[in-house]
Amino acid sequence: MIAINLDKIMLDRRISSKELAEKIGITPANLSILKTQKAKGLRFNTLESICEVLDCQPGDILEYVKD
C-alpha cells in the first residue's frame, strides 16, 4: 500500500489543512480524503502543488508500505 504522510509534513511546516487546501486549489474536504488515506488516486499536478507549497519532495509525502 502507499501511505500518505501529509500530516507529518504539514506539522513540520506549521500549515493548516485550510491554508494548504487554499494554496493548492482543492477543497478542504478533498484534502481530508487524501490525508486520511481514503483517496483512490492523486493527480500529479496536485502532488506538484503540494510539494511546491510545502517545499518538499514527493517521496516525503508518499511511502510504500508492505501489507
PDB file of N, CA and C in Angstrom:
ATOM      1  N   MET A   1       0.844  -1.185   0.000  1.00  0.00           N
ATOM      2  CA  MET A   1       0.000   0.000   0.000  1.00  0.00           C
ATOM      3  C   MET A   1       0.885   1.242   0.000  1.00  0.00           C
ATOM      4  N   ILE A   2       0.342   2.312  -0.482  1.00  0.00           N
ATOM      5  CA  ILE A   2       1.035   3.597  -0.477  1.00  0.00           C
ATOM      6  C   ILE A   2       0.477   4.427   0.681  1.00  0.00           C
ATOM      7  N   ALA A   3       1.344   4.767   1.619  1.00  0.00           N
ATOM      8  CA  ALA A   3       0.955   5.607   2.756  1.00  0.00           C
ATOM      9  C   ALA A   3       1.193   7.072   2.407  1.00  0.00           C
ATOM     10  N   ILE A   4       0.322   7.918   2.886  1.00  0.00           N
ATOM     11  CA  ILE A   4       0.445   9.357   2.649  1.00  0.00           C
ATOM     12  C   ILE A   4       0.791  10.022   3.978  1.00  0.00           C
ATOM     13  N   ASN A   5       1.979  10.600   4.026  1.00  0.00           N
ATOM     14  CA  ASN A   5       2.500  11.215   5.253  1.00  0.00           C
ATOM     15  C   ASN A   5       2.311  12.729   5.260  1.00  0.00           C
ATOM     16  N   LEU A   6       1.203  13.175   4.764  1.00  0.00           N
ATOM     17  CA  LEU A   6       0.959  14.607   4.627  1.00  0.00           C
ATOM     18  C   LEU A   6       0.840  15.308   5.979  1.00  0.00           C
ATOM     19  N   ASP A   7       0.211  14.672   6.956  1.00  0.00           N
ATOM     20  CA  ASP A   7       0.056  15.289   8.284  1.00  0.00           C
ATOM     21  C   ASP A   7       1.405  15.652   8.895  1.00  0.00           C
ATOM     22  N   LYS A   8       2.363  14.743   8.778  1.00  0.00           N
ATOM     23  CA  LYS A   8       3.685  14.973   9.365  1.00  0.00           C
ATOM     24  C   LYS A   8       4.384  16.169   8.711  1.00  0.00           C
ATOM     25  N   ILE A   9       4.324  16.231   7.391  1.00  0.00           N
ATOM     26  CA  ILE A   9       4.954  17.343   6.668  1.00  0.00           C
ATOM     27  C   ILE A   9       4.256  18.657   7.003  1.00  0.00           C
ATOM     28  N   MET A  10       2.919  18.634   7.070  1.00  0.00           N
ATOM     29  CA  MET A  10       2.180  19.849   7.399  1.00  0.00           C
ATOM     30  C   MET A  10       2.510  20.327   8.806  1.00  0.00           C
ATOM     31  N   LEU A  11       2.658  19.404   9.733  1.00  0.00           N
ATOM     32  CA  LEU A  11       3.009  19.762  11.105  1.00  0.00           C
ATOM     33  C   LEU A  11       4.400  20.391  11.153  1.00  0.00           C
ATOM     34  N   ASP A  12       5.337  19.790  10.430  1.00  0.00           N
ATOM     35  CA  ASP A  12       6.694  20.340  10.373  1.00  0.00           C
ATOM     36  C   ASP A  12       6.725  21.749   9.786  1.00  0.00           C
ATOM     37  N   ARG A  13       5.851  21.992   8.792  1.00  0.00           N
ATOM     38  CA  ARG A  13       5.827  23.294   8.108  1.00  0.00           C
ATOM     39  C   ARG A  13       4.875  24.283   8.781  1.00  0.00           C
ATOM     40  N   ARG A  14       4.160  23.807   9.801  1.00  0.00           N
ATOM     41  CA  ARG A  14       3.194  24.640  10.533  1.00  0.00           C
ATOM     42  C   ARG A  14       2.158  25.287   9.608  1.00  0.00           C
ATOM     43  N   ILE A  15       1.502  24.432   8.830  1.00  0.00           N
ATOM     44  CA  ILE A  15       0.464  24.908   7.916  1.00  0.00           C
ATOM     45  C   ILE A  15      -0.816  24.122   8.194  1.00  0.00           C
ATOM     46  N   SER A  16      -1.939  24.812   8.201  1.00  0.00           N
ATOM     47  CA  SER A  16      -3.221  24.162   8.473  1.00  0.00           C
ATOM     48  C   SER A  16      -3.777  23.533   7.199  1.00  0.00           C
ATOM     49  N   SER A  17      -4.720  22.638   7.387  1.00  0.00           N
ATOM     50  CA  SER A  17      -5.377  21.998   6.248  1.00  0.00           C
ATOM     51  C   SER A  17      -6.093  23.039   5.388  1.00  0.00           C
ATOM     52  N   LYS A  18      -6.761  23.957   6.045  1.00  0.00           N
ATOM     53  CA  LYS A  18      -7.487  25.002   5.309  1.00  0.00           C
ATOM     54  C   LYS A  18      -6.533  25.836   4.462  1.00  0.00           C
ATOM     55  N   GLU A  19      -5.411  26.229   5.047  1.00  0.00           N
ATOM     56  CA  GLU A  19      -4.440  27.057   4.327  1.00  0.00           C
ATOM     57  C   GLU A  19      -3.824  26.281   3.159  1.00  0.00           C
ATOM     58  N   LEU A  20      -3.464  25.024   3.383  1.00  0.00           N
ATOM     59  CA  LEU A  20      -2.879  24.226   2.309  1.00  0.00           C
ATOM     60  C   LEU A  20      -3.886  24.023   1.186  1.00  0.00           C
ATOM     61  N   ALA A  21      -5.113  23.696   1.531  1.00  0.00           N
ATOM     62  CA  ALA A  21      -6.154  23.487   0.521  1.00  0.00           C
ATOM     63  C   ALA A  21      -6.327  24.732  -0.346  1.00  0.00           C
ATOM     64  N   GLU A  22      -6.353  25.900   0.284  1.00  0.00           N
ATOM     65  CA  GLU A  22      -6.491  27.155  -0.465  1.00  0.00           C
ATOM     66  C   GLU A  22      -5.313  27.369  -1.402  1.00  0.00           C
ATOM     67  N   LYS A  23      -4.108  27.117  -0.914  1.00  0.00           N
ATOM     68  CA  LYS A  23      -2.899  27.367  -1.709  1.00  0.00           C
ATOM     69  C   LYS A  23      -2.740  26.402  -2.879  1.00  0.00           C
ATOM     70  N   ILE A  24      -3.243  25.167  -2.738  1.00  0.00           N
ATOM     71  CA  ILE A  24      -3.088  24.207  -3.832  1.00  0.00           C
ATOM     72  C   ILE A  24      -4.338  24.108  -4.707  1.00  0.00           C
ATOM     73  N   GLY A  25      -5.402  24.787  -4.314  1.00  0.00           N
ATOM     74  CA  GLY A  25      -6.591  24.872  -5.156  1.00  0.00           C
ATOM     75  C   GLY A  25      -7.508  23.662  -5.098  1.00  0.00           C
ATOM     76  N   ILE A  26      -7.606  23.019  -3.933  1.00  0.00           N
ATOM     77  CA  ILE A  26      -8.588  21.949  -3.756  1.00  0.00           C
ATOM     78  C   ILE A  26      -9.434  22.262  -2.526  1.00  0.00           C
ATOM     79  N   THR A  27     -10.528  21.549  -2.387  1.00  0.00           N
ATOM     80  CA  THR A  27     -11.396  21.797  -1.234  1.00  0.00           C
ATOM     81  C   THR A  27     -10.792  21.163   0.020  1.00  0.00           C
ATOM     82  N   PRO A  28     -11.082  21.727   1.175  1.00  0.00           N
ATOM     83  CA  PRO A  28     -10.635  21.097   2.423  1.00  0.00           C
ATOM     84  C   PRO A  28     -11.128  19.654   2.553  1.00  0.00           C
ATOM     85  N   ALA A  29     -12.324  19.372   2.039  1.00  0.00           N
ATOM     86  CA  ALA A  29     -12.857  18.004   2.092  1.00  0.00           C
ATOM     87  C   ALA A  29     -11.995  17.037   1.283  1.00  0.00           C
ATOM     88  N   ASN A  30     -11.573  17.462   0.093  1.00  0.00           N
ATOM     89  CA  ASN A  30     -10.712  16.603  -0.731  1.00  0.00           C
ATOM     90  C   ASN A  30      -9.336  16.430  -0.102  1.00  0.00           C
ATOM     91  N   LEU A  31      -8.826  17.460   0.531  1.00  0.00           N
ATOM     92  CA  LEU A  31      -7.547  17.339   1.226  1.00  0.00           C
ATOM     93  C   LEU A  31      -7.684  16.357   2.393  1.00  0.00           C
ATOM     94  N   SER A  32      -8.808  16.399   3.083  1.00  0.00           N
ATOM     95  CA  SER A  32      -9.054  15.475   4.188  1.00  0.00           C
ATOM     96  C   SER A  32      -9.081  14.032   3.699  1.00  0.00           C
ATOM     97  N   ILE A  33      -9.711  13.789   2.562  1.00  0.00           N
ATOM     98  CA  ILE A  33      -9.746  12.446   1.979  1.00  0.00           C
ATOM     99  C   ILE A  33      -8.331  11.962   1.690  1.00  0.00           C
ATOM    100  N   LEU A  34      -7.511  12.842   1.188  1.00  0.00           N
ATOM    101  CA  LEU A  34      -6.116  12.496   0.901  1.00  0.00           C
ATOM    102  C   LEU A  34      -5.347  12.203   2.185  1.00  0.00           C
ATOM    103  N   LYS A  35      -5.510  13.055   3.182  1.00  0.00           N
ATOM    104  CA  LYS A  35      -4.780  12.898   4.450  1.00  0.00           C
ATOM    105  C   LYS A  35      -5.175  11.638   5.214  1.00  0.00           C
ATOM    106  N   THR A  36      -6.414  11.196   5.067  1.00  0.00           N
ATOM    107  CA  THR A  36      -6.898  10.046   5.820  1.00  0.00           C
ATOM    108  C   THR A  36      -6.758   8.735   5.048  1.00  0.00           C
ATOM    109  N   GLN A  37      -5.965   8.750   3.986  1.00  0.00           N
ATOM    110  CA  GLN A  37      -5.668   7.538   3.207  1.00  0.00           C
ATOM    111  C   GLN A  37      -6.884   6.990   2.463  1.00  0.00           C
ATOM    112  N   LYS A  38      -7.920   7.789   2.265  1.00  0.00           N
ATOM    113  CA  LYS A  38      -9.126   7.297   1.606  1.00  0.00           C
ATOM    114  C   LYS A  38      -9.157   7.605   0.121  1.00  0.00           C
ATOM    115  N   ALA A  39      -8.179   8.353  -0.373  1.00  0.00           N
ATOM    116  CA  ALA A  39      -8.124   8.708  -1.789  1.00  0.00           C
ATOM    117  C   ALA A  39      -7.752   7.485  -2.615  1.00  0.00           C
ATOM    118  N   LYS A  40      -8.369   7.342  -3.768  1.00  0.00           N
ATOM    119  CA  LYS A  40      -8.060   6.246  -4.681  1.00  0.00           C
ATOM    120  C   LYS A  40      -6.960   6.632  -5.663  1.00  0.00           C
ATOM    121  N   GLY A  41      -6.667   7.921  -5.745  1.00  0.00           N
ATOM    122  CA  GLY A  41      -5.652   8.397  -6.670  1.00  0.00           C
ATOM    123  C   GLY A  41      -5.228   9.808  -6.308  1.00  0.00           C
ATOM    124  N   LEU A  42      -4.153  10.232  -6.948  1.00  0.00           N
ATOM    125  CA  LEU A  42      -3.619  11.573  -6.710  1.00  0.00           C
ATOM    126  C   LEU A  42      -3.073  12.087  -8.033  1.00  0.00           C
ATOM    127  N   ARG A  43      -3.568  13.203  -8.481  1.00  0.00           N
ATOM    128  CA  ARG A  43      -3.105  13.788  -9.738  1.00  0.00           C
ATOM    129  C   ARG A  43      -1.703  14.358  -9.544  1.00  0.00           C
ATOM    130  N   PHE A  44      -0.896  14.197 -10.579  1.00  0.00           N
ATOM    131  CA  PHE A  44       0.468  14.708 -10.499  1.00  0.00           C
ATOM    132  C   PHE A  44       0.495  16.221 -10.302  1.00  0.00           C
ATOM    133  N   ASN A  45      -0.439  16.944 -10.895  1.00  0.00           N
ATOM    134  CA  ASN A  45      -0.423  18.403 -10.712  1.00  0.00           C
ATOM    135  C   ASN A  45      -0.772  18.780  -9.271  1.00  0.00           C
ATOM    136  N   THR A  46      -1.623  17.971  -8.618  1.00  0.00           N
ATOM    137  CA  THR A  46      -1.922  18.205  -7.204  1.00  0.00           C
ATOM    138  C   THR A  46      -0.694  17.905  -6.353  1.00  0.00           C
ATOM    139  N   LEU A  47      -0.037  16.780  -6.632  1.00  0.00           N
ATOM    140  CA  LEU A  47       1.185  16.422  -5.911  1.00  0.00           C
ATOM    141  C   LEU A  47       2.255  17.492  -6.102  1.00  0.00           C
ATOM    142  N   GLU A  48       2.392  17.985  -7.322  1.00  0.00           N
ATOM    143  CA  GLU A  48       3.364  19.043  -7.600  1.00  0.00           C
ATOM    144  C   GLU A  48       3.047  20.304  -6.798  1.00  0.00           C
ATOM    145  N   SER A  49       1.780  20.681  -6.733  1.00  0.00           N
ATOM    146  CA  SER A  49       1.371  21.868  -5.971  1.00  0.00           C
ATOM    147  C   SER A  49       1.657  21.691  -4.486  1.00  0.00           C
ATOM    148  N   ILE A  50       1.357  20.503  -3.952  1.00  0.00           N
ATOM    149  CA  ILE A  50       1.626  20.226  -2.542  1.00  0.00           C
ATOM    150  C   ILE A  50       3.119  20.357  -2.266  1.00  0.00           C
ATOM    151  N   CYS A  51       3.946  19.760  -3.135  1.00  0.00           N
ATOM    152  CA  CYS A  51       5.399  19.822  -2.943  1.00  0.00           C
ATOM    153  C   CYS A  51       5.918  21.252  -3.033  1.00  0.00           C
ATOM    154  N   GLU A  52       5.342  22.027  -3.942  1.00  0.00           N
ATOM    155  CA  GLU A  52       5.764  23.428  -4.091  1.00  0.00           C
ATOM    156  C   GLU A  52       5.434  24.227  -2.835  1.00  0.00           C
ATOM    157  N   VAL A  53       4.211  24.097  -2.340  1.00  0.00           N
ATOM    158  CA  VAL A  53       3.774  24.858  -1.170  1.00  0.00           C
ATOM    159  C   VAL A  53       4.524  24.412   0.089  1.00  0.00           C
ATOM    160  N   LEU A  54       4.722  23.091   0.246  1.00  0.00           N
ATOM    161  CA  LEU A  54       5.362  22.573   1.459  1.00  0.00           C
ATOM    162  C   LEU A  54       6.878  22.477   1.337  1.00  0.00           C
ATOM    163  N   ASP A  55       7.417  22.835   0.172  1.00  0.00           N
ATOM    164  CA  ASP A  55       8.855  22.789  -0.071  1.00  0.00           C
ATOM    165  C   ASP A  55       9.415  21.406   0.289  1.00  0.00           C
ATOM    166  N   CYS A  56       8.865  20.386  -0.381  1.00  0.00           N
ATOM    167  CA  CYS A  56       9.282  19.018  -0.109  1.00  0.00           C
ATOM    168  C   CYS A  56       9.333  18.229  -1.412  1.00  0.00           C
ATOM    169  N   GLN A  57       9.724  16.980  -1.335  1.00  0.00           N
ATOM    170  CA  GLN A  57       9.781  16.077  -2.463  1.00  0.00           C
ATOM    171  C   GLN A  57       8.608  15.096  -2.383  1.00  0.00           C
ATOM    172  N   PRO A  58       8.174  14.524  -3.520  1.00  0.00           N
ATOM    173  CA  PRO A  58       7.090  13.540  -3.481  1.00  0.00           C
ATOM    174  C   PRO A  58       7.372  12.388  -2.515  1.00  0.00           C
ATOM    175  N   GLY A  59       8.618  11.965  -2.410  1.00  0.00           N
ATOM    176  CA  GLY A  59       8.984  10.884  -1.503  1.00  0.00           C
ATOM    177  C   GLY A  59       8.826  11.239  -0.037  1.00  0.00           C
ATOM    178  N   ASP A  60       8.748  12.534   0.263  1.00  0.00           N
ATOM    179  CA  ASP A  60       8.487  12.955   1.645  1.00  0.00           C
ATOM    180  C   ASP A  60       7.026  12.703   2.012  1.00  0.00           C
ATOM    181  N   ILE A  61       6.172  12.701   1.008  1.00  0.00           N
ATOM    182  CA  ILE A  61       4.727  12.571   1.212  1.00  0.00           C
ATOM    183  C   ILE A  61       4.258  11.129   1.024  1.00  0.00           C
ATOM    184  N   LEU A  62       4.772  10.477  -0.014  1.00  0.00           N
ATOM    185  CA  LEU A  62       4.325   9.129  -0.371  1.00  0.00           C
ATOM    186  C   LEU A  62       5.339   8.103   0.081  1.00  0.00           C
ATOM    187  N   GLU A  63       4.841   7.008   0.643  1.00  0.00           N
ATOM    188  CA  GLU A  63       5.730   5.949   1.153  1.00  0.00           C
ATOM    189  C   GLU A  63       5.107   4.582   0.857  1.00  0.00           C
ATOM    190  N   TYR A  64       5.884   3.674   0.307  1.00  0.00           N
ATOM    191  CA  TYR A  64       5.408   2.317   0.078  1.00  0.00           C
ATOM    192  C   TYR A  64       5.542   1.514   1.353  1.00  0.00           C
ATOM    193  N   VAL A  65       4.447   0.870   1.770  1.00  0.00           N
ATOM    194  CA  VAL A  65       4.444   0.041   2.967  1.00  0.00           C
ATOM    195  C   VAL A  65       3.900  -1.322   2.588  1.00  0.00           C
ATOM    196  N   LYS A  66       4.665  -2.368   2.883  1.00  0.00           N
ATOM    197  CA  LYS A  66       4.184  -3.723   2.585  1.00  0.00           C
ATOM    198  C   LYS A  66       2.975  -4.035   3.448  1.00  0.00           C
ATOM    199  N   ASP A  67       2.000  -4.717   2.858  1.00  0.00           N
ATOM    200  CA  ASP A  67       0.769  -5.065   3.587  1.00  0.00           C
ATOM    201  C   ASP A  67       1.008  -6.076   4.676  1.00  0.00           C
TER     202      ASP A  67
END
